[in-house]
Amino acid sequence: MKHSIAIFASGSGSNAEKIINHFRKSNSAEIKLIISNKNDAFVIERARNLQVPYVVFSRKSDFSGDVLFKLLLDNNIDLIVLAGFLWLLPANLIEKFPSRIINIHPALLPRYGGKGMYGARVHQAVSESGDTESGITIHYVNEHYDEGDIIFQASCSIRAGENPESIAHKVHQLEYEYYPKVIEEVLNKFQSNL
């Protein structure tokens, strides 16, 4: 059975594109929908170019109500994948999709997580900390930023005080390599639990 995935993204969509291309070569799932909270996010351009339907929620009131849930049901969505999505998901959505929403964070949680810790801000904090390691964390989503159960982590070596742009490049490589594979593993667990 082919699963249906919705990707939520707020930014450039580079991870979304990697995920879409991965599943175009796989029989396990298809990307049915991209959802964004920014109508000028480059992920929308990627969705157009890749011919993936997309929806933009410009107001949190629409996003947190029944409109979003109905959209996901109408598209038979099995799994929600966050790929640089900056809004906290509404509690009712998390309840309706238990253990079926995953996120990727550009650091080794529990460090450098929480509200306001995303993208360049994370890499800046890692650089300033003097850490010699960074990485990615893929985790289930709960009602708090970056606190859901961890599914997978991968790390990379960095120099103490390495510049944030260089750290970001290394972390992006990990994201591109592992996120599509881990999504597929999560879907395989769904299949074995049917």
N, C-alpha and C. Protein backbone atom coordinates (compact mmCIF):
# COMPACT_ATOMS: atom_id res chain seq x y z
N MET A 1 0.84 -1.18 0.00
CA MET A 1 0.00 0.00 0.00
C MET A 1 0.89 1.25 0.00
N LYS A 2 0.56 2.19 -0.86
CA LYS A 2 1.35 3.43 -0.95
C LYS A 2 0.79 4.44 0.04
N HIS A 3 1.66 4.96 0.88
CA HIS A 3 1.26 5.95 1.88
C HIS A 3 1.24 7.35 1.27
N SER A 4 0.50 8.24 1.92
CA SER A 4 0.40 9.62 1.49
C SER A 4 1.03 10.53 2.53
N ILE A 5 1.89 11.42 2.07
CA ILE A 5 2.64 12.31 2.95
C ILE A 5 2.28 13.76 2.64
N ALA A 6 2.13 14.56 3.69
CA ALA A 6 2.05 16.01 3.56
C ALA A 6 3.31 16.60 4.16
N ILE A 7 3.95 17.48 3.44
CA ILE A 7 5.14 18.18 3.94
C ILE A 7 4.74 19.60 4.34
N PHE A 8 5.08 19.99 5.56
CA PHE A 8 4.87 21.35 6.03
C PHE A 8 6.22 22.06 5.99
N ALA A 9 6.28 23.21 5.32
CA ALA A 9 7.56 23.93 5.20
C ALA A 9 7.31 25.43 5.19
N SER A 10 8.27 26.19 5.74
CA SER A 10 8.16 27.65 5.80
C SER A 10 9.25 28.37 5.02
N GLY A 11 10.23 27.64 4.52
CA GLY A 11 11.40 28.30 3.95
C GLY A 11 11.69 27.92 2.51
N SER A 12 12.97 27.64 2.24
CA SER A 12 13.40 27.41 0.87
C SER A 12 12.92 26.07 0.32
N GLY A 13 12.72 25.10 1.17
CA GLY A 13 12.20 23.82 0.71
C GLY A 13 13.22 22.85 0.17
N SER A 14 14.51 23.05 0.50
CA SER A 14 15.52 22.13 -0.02
C SER A 14 15.32 20.72 0.51
N ASN A 15 14.95 20.58 1.80
CA ASN A 15 14.66 19.25 2.32
C ASN A 15 13.40 18.68 1.68
N ALA A 16 12.39 19.52 1.48
CA ALA A 16 11.15 19.06 0.84
C ALA A 16 11.46 18.49 -0.55
N GLU A 17 12.30 19.18 -1.30
CA GLU A 17 12.64 18.70 -2.64
C GLU A 17 13.36 17.35 -2.59
N LYS A 18 14.28 17.20 -1.64
CA LYS A 18 14.98 15.91 -1.50
C LYS A 18 14.00 14.79 -1.17
N ILE A 19 13.04 15.09 -0.30
CA ILE A 19 12.05 14.09 0.10
C ILE A 19 11.16 13.73 -1.09
N ILE A 20 10.69 14.73 -1.83
CA ILE A 20 9.84 14.47 -3.00
C ILE A 20 10.58 13.59 -3.99
N ASN A 21 11.81 13.94 -4.31
CA ASN A 21 12.58 13.17 -5.29
C ASN A 21 12.85 11.75 -4.80
N HIS A 22 13.10 11.60 -3.51
CA HIS A 22 13.32 10.26 -2.95
C HIS A 22 12.08 9.39 -3.17
N PHE A 23 10.91 9.91 -2.84
CA PHE A 23 9.71 9.09 -2.92
C PHE A 23 9.17 8.93 -4.34
N ARG A 24 9.66 9.72 -5.26
CA ARG A 24 9.31 9.47 -6.66
C ARG A 24 10.01 8.22 -7.19
N LYS A 25 11.06 7.80 -6.49
CA LYS A 25 11.78 6.58 -6.87
C LYS A 25 11.39 5.40 -5.99
N SER A 26 10.44 5.58 -5.10
CA SER A 26 10.05 4.56 -4.13
C SER A 26 8.58 4.22 -4.30
N ASN A 27 8.24 2.98 -4.01
CA ASN A 27 6.84 2.56 -4.08
C ASN A 27 6.13 2.69 -2.75
N SER A 28 6.83 3.17 -1.72
CA SER A 28 6.23 3.17 -0.38
C SER A 28 5.32 4.36 -0.10
N ALA A 29 5.55 5.50 -0.79
CA ALA A 29 4.76 6.68 -0.48
C ALA A 29 4.82 7.69 -1.62
N GLU A 30 3.88 8.63 -1.58
CA GLU A 30 3.95 9.77 -2.48
C GLU A 30 3.66 11.03 -1.69
N ILE A 31 4.24 12.12 -2.14
CA ILE A 31 4.00 13.41 -1.50
C ILE A 31 2.74 13.98 -2.13
N LYS A 32 1.68 14.05 -1.34
CA LYS A 32 0.39 14.49 -1.85
C LYS A 32 0.22 16.00 -1.78
N LEU A 33 0.94 16.64 -0.85
CA LEU A 33 0.63 18.03 -0.55
C LEU A 33 1.79 18.70 0.15
N ILE A 34 2.02 19.96 -0.20
CA ILE A 34 2.94 20.80 0.57
C ILE A 34 2.10 21.90 1.21
N ILE A 35 2.31 22.10 2.49
CA ILE A 35 1.59 23.13 3.24
C ILE A 35 2.61 24.12 3.77
N SER A 36 2.33 25.41 3.55
CA SER A 36 3.23 26.45 4.03
C SER A 36 2.44 27.53 4.73
N ASN A 37 3.12 28.27 5.59
CA ASN A 37 2.50 29.41 6.25
C ASN A 37 3.03 30.73 5.67
N LYS A 38 3.76 30.65 4.55
CA LYS A 38 4.31 31.85 3.93
C LYS A 38 4.11 31.77 2.42
N ASN A 39 3.36 32.71 1.88
CA ASN A 39 3.11 32.64 0.44
C ASN A 39 4.31 33.03 -0.41
N ASP A 40 5.35 33.61 0.22
CA ASP A 40 6.56 33.96 -0.52
C ASP A 40 7.72 32.99 -0.24
N ALA A 41 7.42 31.89 0.45
CA ALA A 41 8.48 30.90 0.73
C ALA A 41 8.88 30.21 -0.57
N PHE A 42 10.16 29.98 -0.75
CA PHE A 42 10.64 29.37 -2.00
C PHE A 42 10.14 27.94 -2.16
N VAL A 43 9.72 27.31 -1.06
CA VAL A 43 9.17 25.96 -1.16
C VAL A 43 7.96 25.94 -2.10
N ILE A 44 7.23 27.05 -2.20
CA ILE A 44 6.08 27.12 -3.10
C ILE A 44 6.54 27.02 -4.56
N GLU A 45 7.63 27.72 -4.87
CA GLU A 45 8.20 27.63 -6.22
C GLU A 45 8.66 26.20 -6.51
N ARG A 46 9.28 25.57 -5.53
CA ARG A 46 9.71 24.18 -5.72
C ARG A 46 8.49 23.28 -5.96
N ALA A 47 7.42 23.50 -5.20
CA ALA A 47 6.19 22.70 -5.37
C ALA A 47 5.66 22.85 -6.80
N ARG A 48 5.63 24.09 -7.28
CA ARG A 48 5.17 24.33 -8.67
C ARG A 48 6.06 23.58 -9.67
N ASN A 49 7.37 23.73 -9.50
CA ASN A 49 8.31 23.11 -10.44
C ASN A 49 8.21 21.59 -10.41
N LEU A 50 7.95 21.03 -9.24
CA LEU A 50 7.86 19.57 -9.09
C LEU A 50 6.44 19.05 -9.25
N GLN A 51 5.51 19.96 -9.54
CA GLN A 51 4.10 19.63 -9.77
C GLN A 51 3.48 18.88 -8.59
N VAL A 52 3.73 19.44 -7.40
CA VAL A 52 3.12 18.93 -6.18
C VAL A 52 2.10 19.97 -5.72
N PRO A 53 0.86 19.56 -5.45
CA PRO A 53 -0.13 20.52 -4.97
C PRO A 53 0.33 21.17 -3.67
N TYR A 54 -0.06 22.44 -3.49
CA TYR A 54 0.34 23.15 -2.27
C TYR A 54 -0.80 24.03 -1.78
N VAL A 55 -0.75 24.32 -0.49
CA VAL A 55 -1.73 25.19 0.15
C VAL A 55 -0.96 26.11 1.08
N VAL A 56 -1.35 27.39 1.11
CA VAL A 56 -0.73 28.35 2.01
C VAL A 56 -1.77 28.80 3.02
N PHE A 57 -1.42 28.67 4.30
CA PHE A 57 -2.24 29.18 5.39
C PHE A 57 -1.62 30.48 5.86
N SER A 58 -2.29 31.59 5.63
CA SER A 58 -1.71 32.87 6.00
C SER A 58 -2.14 33.30 7.40
N ARG A 59 -3.17 32.67 7.94
CA ARG A 59 -3.64 33.03 9.28
C ARG A 59 -3.66 31.81 10.17
N LYS A 60 -3.17 31.96 11.38
CA LYS A 60 -3.15 30.84 12.32
C LYS A 60 -4.55 30.33 12.63
N SER A 61 -5.55 31.21 12.58
CA SER A 61 -6.91 30.78 12.88
C SER A 61 -7.39 29.71 11.90
N ASP A 62 -7.07 29.88 10.61
CA ASP A 62 -7.43 28.86 9.61
C ASP A 62 -6.61 27.60 9.81
N PHE A 63 -5.34 27.80 10.11
CA PHE A 63 -4.41 26.68 10.27
C PHE A 63 -4.77 25.80 11.46
N SER A 64 -5.22 26.41 12.55
CA SER A 64 -5.45 25.64 13.76
C SER A 64 -6.87 25.09 13.88
N GLY A 65 -7.73 25.40 12.92
CA GLY A 65 -9.10 24.93 12.99
C GLY A 65 -9.33 23.67 12.19
N ASP A 66 -10.61 23.44 11.86
CA ASP A 66 -10.99 22.24 11.14
C ASP A 66 -10.60 22.27 9.67
N VAL A 67 -10.29 23.46 9.15
CA VAL A 67 -9.93 23.59 7.73
C VAL A 67 -8.72 22.72 7.41
N LEU A 68 -7.70 22.81 8.23
CA LEU A 68 -6.48 22.04 8.02
C LEU A 68 -6.76 20.54 8.14
N PHE A 69 -7.46 20.15 9.18
CA PHE A 69 -7.74 18.73 9.39
C PHE A 69 -8.53 18.15 8.21
N LYS A 70 -9.51 18.88 7.74
CA LYS A 70 -10.32 18.42 6.60
C LYS A 70 -9.44 18.27 5.35
N LEU A 71 -8.55 19.22 5.14
CA LEU A 71 -7.64 19.15 4.00
C LEU A 71 -6.79 17.87 4.06
N LEU A 72 -6.27 17.57 5.24
CA LEU A 72 -5.45 16.36 5.40
C LEU A 72 -6.27 15.09 5.20
N LEU A 73 -7.50 15.08 5.73
CA LEU A 73 -8.38 13.92 5.55
C LEU A 73 -8.75 13.74 4.08
N ASP A 74 -9.09 14.83 3.41
CA ASP A 74 -9.47 14.76 2.00
C ASP A 74 -8.36 14.21 1.13
N ASN A 75 -7.11 14.40 1.57
CA ASN A 75 -5.96 13.89 0.82
C ASN A 75 -5.43 12.57 1.37
N ASN A 76 -6.19 11.97 2.30
CA ASN A 76 -5.82 10.66 2.88
C ASN A 76 -4.40 10.63 3.42
N ILE A 77 -4.01 11.70 4.11
CA ILE A 77 -2.63 11.81 4.60
C ILE A 77 -2.39 10.83 5.75
N ASP A 78 -1.31 10.05 5.61
CA ASP A 78 -0.90 9.10 6.65
C ASP A 78 0.17 9.68 7.56
N LEU A 79 1.04 10.51 6.99
CA LEU A 79 2.18 11.02 7.74
C LEU A 79 2.39 12.48 7.40
N ILE A 80 2.63 13.29 8.44
CA ILE A 80 2.98 14.69 8.26
C ILE A 80 4.46 14.84 8.54
N VAL A 81 5.17 15.47 7.61
CA VAL A 81 6.61 15.66 7.72
C VAL A 81 6.88 17.16 7.78
N LEU A 82 7.49 17.61 8.86
CA LEU A 82 7.88 19.01 8.97
C LEU A 82 9.30 19.16 8.42
N ALA A 83 9.46 20.13 7.55
CA ALA A 83 10.77 20.37 6.93
C ALA A 83 11.02 21.87 6.95
N GLY A 84 11.43 22.37 8.12
CA GLY A 84 11.64 23.80 8.26
C GLY A 84 10.33 24.56 8.42
N PHE A 85 9.40 23.98 9.15
CA PHE A 85 8.11 24.64 9.40
C PHE A 85 8.18 25.32 10.76
N LEU A 86 7.82 26.61 10.82
CA LEU A 86 8.12 27.40 12.00
C LEU A 86 6.97 27.59 12.98
N TRP A 87 5.76 27.24 12.63
CA TRP A 87 4.65 27.37 13.57
C TRP A 87 4.55 26.12 14.44
N LEU A 88 4.16 26.33 15.68
CA LEU A 88 3.84 25.21 16.56
C LEU A 88 2.53 24.60 16.08
N LEU A 89 2.51 23.27 15.96
CA LEU A 89 1.28 22.63 15.47
C LEU A 89 0.19 22.67 16.54
N PRO A 90 -1.06 22.83 16.11
CA PRO A 90 -2.15 22.86 17.09
C PRO A 90 -2.32 21.51 17.77
N ALA A 91 -2.71 21.55 19.04
CA ALA A 91 -2.85 20.32 19.84
C ALA A 91 -3.84 19.35 19.21
N ASN A 92 -4.94 19.88 18.62
CA ASN A 92 -5.93 18.97 18.04
C ASN A 92 -5.37 18.18 16.86
N LEU A 93 -4.43 18.77 16.12
CA LEU A 93 -3.81 18.06 15.01
C LEU A 93 -2.89 16.95 15.54
N ILE A 94 -2.14 17.25 16.57
CA ILE A 94 -1.24 16.25 17.17
C ILE A 94 -2.06 15.09 17.73
N GLU A 95 -3.20 15.38 18.32
CA GLU A 95 -4.08 14.33 18.85
C GLU A 95 -4.63 13.46 17.73
N LYS A 96 -4.95 14.07 16.60
CA LYS A 96 -5.57 13.33 15.49
C LYS A 96 -4.55 12.55 14.66
N PHE A 97 -3.28 12.89 14.81
CA PHE A 97 -2.20 12.19 14.09
C PHE A 97 -1.15 11.70 15.09
N PRO A 98 -1.55 10.85 16.03
CA PRO A 98 -0.60 10.41 17.06
C PRO A 98 0.56 9.59 16.46
N SER A 99 1.76 9.99 16.80
CA SER A 99 2.98 9.33 16.29
C SER A 99 3.01 9.29 14.76
N ARG A 100 2.37 10.27 14.13
CA ARG A 100 2.36 10.34 12.67
C ARG A 100 2.75 11.72 12.18
N ILE A 101 3.49 12.45 13.04
CA ILE A 101 4.05 13.75 12.66
C ILE A 101 5.52 13.73 13.07
N ILE A 102 6.41 13.97 12.11
CA ILE A 102 7.84 13.99 12.44
C ILE A 102 8.47 15.30 11.98
N ASN A 103 9.57 15.63 12.64
CA ASN A 103 10.28 16.87 12.37
C ASN A 103 11.78 16.59 12.33
N ILE A 104 12.49 17.47 11.66
CA ILE A 104 13.96 17.41 11.70
C ILE A 104 14.46 18.71 12.31
N HIS A 105 15.41 18.58 13.21
CA HIS A 105 16.00 19.75 13.87
C HIS A 105 17.49 19.78 13.55
N PRO A 106 18.05 20.97 13.24
CA PRO A 106 19.44 21.04 12.80
C PRO A 106 20.47 21.11 13.92
N ALA A 107 20.28 20.27 14.93
CA ALA A 107 21.23 20.16 16.05
C ALA A 107 20.94 18.86 16.77
N LEU A 108 21.81 18.54 17.70
CA LEU A 108 21.65 17.31 18.48
C LEU A 108 20.83 17.63 19.73
N LEU A 109 19.52 17.44 19.60
CA LEU A 109 18.65 17.68 20.76
C LEU A 109 19.04 16.75 21.90
N PRO A 110 18.86 17.16 23.15
CA PRO A 110 18.04 18.29 23.59
C PRO A 110 18.74 19.65 23.57
N ARG A 111 20.01 19.71 23.15
CA ARG A 111 20.69 21.00 23.09
C ARG A 111 20.20 21.80 21.88
N TYR A 112 20.14 23.10 22.04
CA TYR A 112 19.83 24.04 20.96
C TYR A 112 18.43 23.84 20.37
N GLY A 113 17.47 23.48 21.22
CA GLY A 113 16.10 23.35 20.78
C GLY A 113 15.21 24.35 21.47
N GLY A 114 13.93 24.33 21.13
CA GLY A 114 12.95 25.18 21.77
C GLY A 114 12.50 26.33 20.87
N LYS A 115 11.58 27.10 21.38
CA LYS A 115 11.01 28.21 20.61
C LYS A 115 12.10 29.19 20.17
N GLY A 116 12.06 29.55 18.90
CA GLY A 116 13.01 30.51 18.37
C GLY A 116 14.33 29.90 17.92
N MET A 117 14.52 28.61 18.18
CA MET A 117 15.77 27.96 17.79
C MET A 117 15.55 27.18 16.49
N TYR A 118 15.89 27.83 15.39
CA TYR A 118 15.75 27.20 14.09
C TYR A 118 16.80 27.78 13.15
N GLY A 119 17.13 27.03 12.12
CA GLY A 119 18.01 27.50 11.06
C GLY A 119 19.30 28.13 11.54
N ALA A 120 19.58 29.32 11.01
CA ALA A 120 20.84 30.01 11.29
C ALA A 120 21.03 30.31 12.77
N ARG A 121 19.93 30.50 13.50
CA ARG A 121 20.04 30.77 14.94
C ARG A 121 20.68 29.58 15.67
N VAL A 122 20.31 28.39 15.24
CA VAL A 122 20.88 27.19 15.86
C VAL A 122 22.37 27.10 15.57
N HIS A 123 22.74 27.29 14.32
CA HIS A 123 24.15 27.17 13.93
C HIS A 123 25.00 28.25 14.60
N GLN A 124 24.45 29.44 14.78
CA GLN A 124 25.14 30.51 15.49
C GLN A 124 25.39 30.10 16.94
N ALA A 125 24.37 29.54 17.59
CA ALA A 125 24.52 29.12 18.99
C ALA A 125 25.55 28.00 19.13
N VAL A 126 25.54 27.07 18.19
CA VAL A 126 26.52 25.98 18.22
C VAL A 126 27.93 26.54 18.05
N SER A 127 28.09 27.47 17.10
CA SER A 127 29.39 28.09 16.85
C SER A 127 29.90 28.80 18.11
N GLU A 128 29.02 29.56 18.73
CA GLU A 128 29.42 30.33 19.92
C GLU A 128 29.69 29.46 21.13
N SER A 129 29.17 28.25 21.14
CA SER A 129 29.33 27.37 22.30
C SER A 129 30.72 26.76 22.39
N GLY A 130 31.41 26.70 21.25
CA GLY A 130 32.70 26.03 21.22
C GLY A 130 32.60 24.52 21.06
N ASP A 131 31.40 24.01 20.79
CA ASP A 131 31.21 22.57 20.59
C ASP A 131 32.07 22.08 19.44
N THR A 132 32.42 20.81 19.49
CA THR A 132 33.19 20.20 18.40
C THR A 132 32.36 19.16 17.66
N GLU A 133 31.05 19.21 17.87
CA GLU A 133 30.14 18.28 17.20
C GLU A 133 28.79 18.97 17.03
N SER A 134 28.17 18.73 15.89
CA SER A 134 26.79 19.15 15.68
C SER A 134 26.10 18.01 14.93
N GLY A 135 24.92 18.26 14.40
CA GLY A 135 24.24 17.19 13.69
C GLY A 135 22.77 17.46 13.52
N ILE A 136 22.03 16.38 13.35
CA ILE A 136 20.58 16.47 13.15
C ILE A 136 19.87 15.55 14.13
N THR A 137 18.63 15.92 14.42
CA THR A 137 17.74 15.08 15.22
C THR A 137 16.41 14.99 14.49
N ILE A 138 15.98 13.78 14.23
CA ILE A 138 14.65 13.54 13.67
C ILE A 138 13.80 13.00 14.81
N HIS A 139 12.65 13.63 15.03
CA HIS A 139 11.87 13.26 16.21
C HIS A 139 10.37 13.37 15.92
N TYR A 140 9.59 12.66 16.74
CA TYR A 140 8.15 12.82 16.67
C TYR A 140 7.79 14.18 17.24
N VAL A 141 6.67 14.71 16.80
CA VAL A 141 6.22 16.03 17.24
C VAL A 141 5.18 15.88 18.34
N ASN A 142 5.37 16.66 19.40
CA ASN A 142 4.35 16.76 20.44
C ASN A 142 3.95 18.23 20.57
N GLU A 143 3.31 18.58 21.67
CA GLU A 143 2.78 19.94 21.80
C GLU A 143 3.83 20.99 22.17
N HIS A 144 5.09 20.58 22.32
CA HIS A 144 6.17 21.52 22.65
C HIS A 144 7.22 21.50 21.55
N TYR A 145 7.86 22.65 21.33
CA TYR A 145 8.93 22.71 20.33
C TYR A 145 10.06 21.74 20.69
N ASP A 146 10.39 20.85 19.76
CA ASP A 146 11.60 20.02 19.82
C ASP A 146 11.68 19.09 21.03
N GLU A 147 10.55 18.69 21.58
CA GLU A 147 10.57 17.82 22.76
C GLU A 147 10.01 16.43 22.52
N GLY A 148 9.59 16.12 21.31
CA GLY A 148 9.04 14.80 21.02
C GLY A 148 10.11 13.72 21.06
N ASP A 149 9.67 12.47 21.16
CA ASP A 149 10.59 11.33 21.23
C ASP A 149 11.52 11.30 20.02
N ILE A 150 12.79 11.07 20.29
CA ILE A 150 13.80 11.05 19.23
C ILE A 150 13.72 9.73 18.46
N ILE A 151 13.72 9.85 17.14
CA ILE A 151 13.72 8.69 16.25
C ILE A 151 15.14 8.37 15.80
N PHE A 152 15.93 9.42 15.48
CA PHE A 152 17.24 9.22 14.87
C PHE A 152 18.09 10.47 15.06
N GLN A 153 19.38 10.26 15.27
CA GLN A 153 20.35 11.36 15.29
C GLN A 153 21.57 10.96 14.47
N ALA A 154 22.17 11.95 13.83
CA ALA A 154 23.44 11.76 13.14
C ALA A 154 24.29 12.99 13.45
N SER A 155 25.59 12.78 13.60
CA SER A 155 26.46 13.89 13.99
C SER A 155 27.56 14.11 12.97
N CYS A 156 28.15 15.30 13.07
CA CYS A 156 29.31 15.65 12.26
C CYS A 156 30.29 16.40 13.14
N SER A 157 31.56 16.26 12.83
CA SER A 157 32.59 16.97 13.58
C SER A 157 32.68 18.41 13.07
N ILE A 158 32.89 19.30 14.01
CA ILE A 158 33.14 20.70 13.66
C ILE A 158 34.31 21.19 14.50
N ARG A 159 34.90 22.28 14.07
CA ARG A 159 35.97 22.89 14.86
C ARG A 159 35.34 23.79 15.91
N ALA A 160 35.94 23.89 17.07
CA ALA A 160 35.45 24.83 18.08
C ALA A 160 35.43 26.22 17.48
N GLY A 161 34.29 26.87 17.52
CA GLY A 161 34.17 28.22 16.96
C GLY A 161 34.04 28.27 15.45
N GLU A 162 33.83 27.13 14.81
CA GLU A 162 33.65 27.11 13.36
C GLU A 162 32.50 28.05 12.97
N ASN A 163 32.63 28.69 11.82
CA ASN A 163 31.60 29.69 11.48
C ASN A 163 30.25 29.02 11.19
N PRO A 164 29.17 29.72 11.49
CA PRO A 164 27.83 29.14 11.36
C PRO A 164 27.50 28.65 9.95
N GLU A 165 28.00 29.34 8.92
CA GLU A 165 27.72 28.93 7.55
C GLU A 165 28.33 27.58 7.24
N SER A 166 29.53 27.35 7.72
CA SER A 166 30.20 26.07 7.51
C SER A 166 29.48 24.95 8.27
N ILE A 167 29.06 25.24 9.49
CA ILE A 167 28.29 24.25 10.27
C ILE A 167 26.99 23.94 9.53
N ALA A 168 26.31 24.97 9.05
CA ALA A 168 25.04 24.77 8.33
C ALA A 168 25.24 23.85 7.13
N HIS A 169 26.32 24.06 6.39
CA HIS A 169 26.59 23.22 5.21
C HIS A 169 26.72 21.75 5.61
N LYS A 170 27.48 21.48 6.66
CA LYS A 170 27.67 20.10 7.12
C LYS A 170 26.35 19.49 7.58
N VAL A 171 25.57 20.28 8.31
CA VAL A 171 24.29 19.78 8.82
C VAL A 171 23.31 19.52 7.68
N HIS A 172 23.30 20.42 6.67
CA HIS A 172 22.42 20.20 5.51
C HIS A 172 22.74 18.89 4.80
N GLN A 173 24.01 18.56 4.70
CA GLN A 173 24.39 17.30 4.05
C GLN A 173 23.80 16.10 4.81
N LEU A 174 23.83 16.18 6.14
CA LEU A 174 23.22 15.11 6.94
C LEU A 174 21.71 15.05 6.73
N GLU A 175 21.08 16.22 6.69
CA GLU A 175 19.63 16.27 6.47
C GLU A 175 19.27 15.60 5.15
N TYR A 176 19.96 15.98 4.09
CA TYR A 176 19.65 15.46 2.76
C TYR A 176 19.88 13.95 2.68
N GLU A 177 20.92 13.48 3.37
CA GLU A 177 21.23 12.05 3.33
C GLU A 177 20.23 11.22 4.12
N TYR A 178 19.89 11.69 5.31
CA TYR A 178 19.15 10.82 6.23
C TYR A 178 17.64 11.05 6.31
N TYR A 179 17.16 12.27 6.12
CA TYR A 179 15.74 12.50 6.38
C TYR A 179 14.83 11.64 5.50
N PRO A 180 15.04 11.57 4.17
CA PRO A 180 14.17 10.71 3.37
C PRO A 180 14.22 9.24 3.80
N LYS A 181 15.41 8.76 4.15
CA LYS A 181 15.54 7.35 4.56
C LYS A 181 14.81 7.08 5.87
N VAL A 182 14.92 8.00 6.81
CA VAL A 182 14.25 7.81 8.10
C VAL A 182 12.73 7.90 7.94
N ILE A 183 12.27 8.78 7.08
CA ILE A 183 10.83 8.85 6.79
C ILE A 183 10.35 7.49 6.26
N GLU A 184 11.12 6.92 5.36
CA GLU A 184 10.75 5.61 4.81
C GLU A 184 10.73 4.54 5.90
N GLU A 185 11.68 4.58 6.80
CA GLU A 185 11.69 3.62 7.92
C GLU A 185 10.46 3.78 8.81
N VAL A 186 10.07 5.02 9.07
CA VAL A 186 8.87 5.27 9.87
C VAL A 186 7.64 4.70 9.15
N LEU A 187 7.56 4.89 7.85
CA LEU A 187 6.43 4.34 7.07
C LEU A 187 6.44 2.82 7.10
N ASN A 188 7.61 2.20 7.03
CA ASN A 188 7.71 0.74 7.10
C ASN A 188 7.18 0.21 8.43
N LYS A 189 7.40 0.98 9.51
CA LYS A 189 6.85 0.58 10.81
C LYS A 189 5.34 0.64 10.80
N PHE A 190 4.78 1.65 10.10
CA PHE A 190 3.31 1.71 9.95
C PHE A 190 2.81 0.43 9.30
N GLN A 191 3.49 0.04 8.22
CA GLN A 191 3.07 -1.12 7.45
C GLN A 191 3.10 -2.38 8.30
N SER A 192 4.15 -2.54 9.12
CA SER A 192 4.27 -3.74 9.95
C SER A 192 3.27 -3.76 11.10
N ASN A 193 2.70 -2.58 11.43
CA ASN A 193 1.72 -2.51 12.51
C ASN A 193 0.28 -2.66 12.02
N LEU A 194 0.11 -2.78 10.68
CA LEU A 194 -1.26 -2.91 10.15
C LEU A 194 -1.80 -4.32 10.37
